[in-house]
């Protein structure tokens, strides 16, 4: 999950050359219409939910 959110937060695939497109995660209302607010730093939010209190530090070990 962390890797997926980190990739989304990056805004595009840095491994693809010559592609100028990217992506952005946007918030939507209950009716599906955009609120105009972008969601960012999702991978960091996930780390704060680590019940061990180590902010995902064990992911790198």
Protein backbone atom coordinates (compact mmCIF):
# COMPACT_ATOMS: atom_id res chain seq x y z
CA UNK A 1 0.00 0.00 0.00
CA UNK A 2 2.81 2.40 0.88
CA UNK A 3 4.51 1.94 -2.51
CA UNK A 4 1.23 2.54 -4.36
CA UNK A 5 0.49 5.74 -2.43
CA UNK A 6 4.07 6.92 -2.85
CA UNK A 7 3.79 6.43 -6.63
CA UNK A 8 0.50 8.33 -6.74
CA UNK A 9 2.01 11.16 -4.71
CA UNK A 10 4.86 11.32 -7.24
CA UNK A 11 2.42 12.37 -9.96
CA UNK A 12 3.75 10.20 -12.75
CA UNK A 13 6.05 7.38 -13.76
CA UNK A 14 9.60 8.72 -13.68
CA UNK A 15 10.79 5.56 -15.47
CA UNK A 16 9.02 6.49 -18.72
CA UNK A 17 10.87 8.93 -20.93
CA UNK A 18 9.18 11.26 -23.39
CA UNK A 19 5.81 11.18 -21.61
CA UNK A 20 4.58 14.53 -20.39
CA UNK A 21 1.41 13.20 -18.74
CA UNK A 22 0.99 12.50 -15.06
CA UNK A 23 -1.74 11.96 -12.52
CA UNK A 24 -3.32 13.67 -9.59
CA UNK A 25 -5.60 12.28 -6.88
CA UNK A 26 -8.59 14.58 -6.43
CA UNK A 27 -11.26 14.67 -3.75
CA UNK A 28 -14.86 14.23 -4.86
CA UNK A 29 -18.19 15.03 -3.25
CA UNK A 30 -20.92 12.50 -2.47
CA UNK A 31 -22.36 13.01 -5.96
CA UNK A 32 -18.98 12.24 -7.60
CA UNK A 33 -18.27 15.81 -8.67
CA UNK A 34 -14.82 17.20 -8.01
CA UNK A 35 -14.33 19.50 -5.03
CA UNK A 36 -11.23 20.95 -6.69
CA UNK A 37 -8.99 19.83 -3.84
CA UNK A 38 -5.99 17.65 -4.61
CA UNK A 39 -5.01 14.94 -2.12
CA UNK A 40 -1.28 14.76 -1.52
CA UNK A 41 1.24 13.20 0.84
CA UNK A 42 -0.97 10.13 1.18
CA UNK A 43 2.00 7.83 1.79
CA UNK A 44 3.05 9.98 4.74
CA UNK A 45 -0.47 9.83 6.19
CA UNK A 46 -0.34 6.03 5.99
CA UNK A 47 2.87 5.94 8.03
CA UNK A 48 1.25 7.89 10.85
CA UNK A 49 -1.34 5.10 11.16
CA UNK A 50 1.32 2.53 12.12
CA UNK A 51 0.02 1.00 15.39
CA UNK A 52 3.60 0.28 16.56
CA UNK A 53 4.29 4.02 16.74
CA UNK A 54 7.43 3.64 14.60
CA UNK A 55 5.95 5.39 11.54
CA UNK A 56 6.67 2.41 9.31
CA UNK A 57 10.40 2.31 10.14
CA UNK A 58 10.34 -1.50 9.97
CA UNK A 59 9.35 -1.31 6.28
CA UNK A 60 12.99 -0.64 5.40
CA UNK A 61 14.52 -3.46 7.48
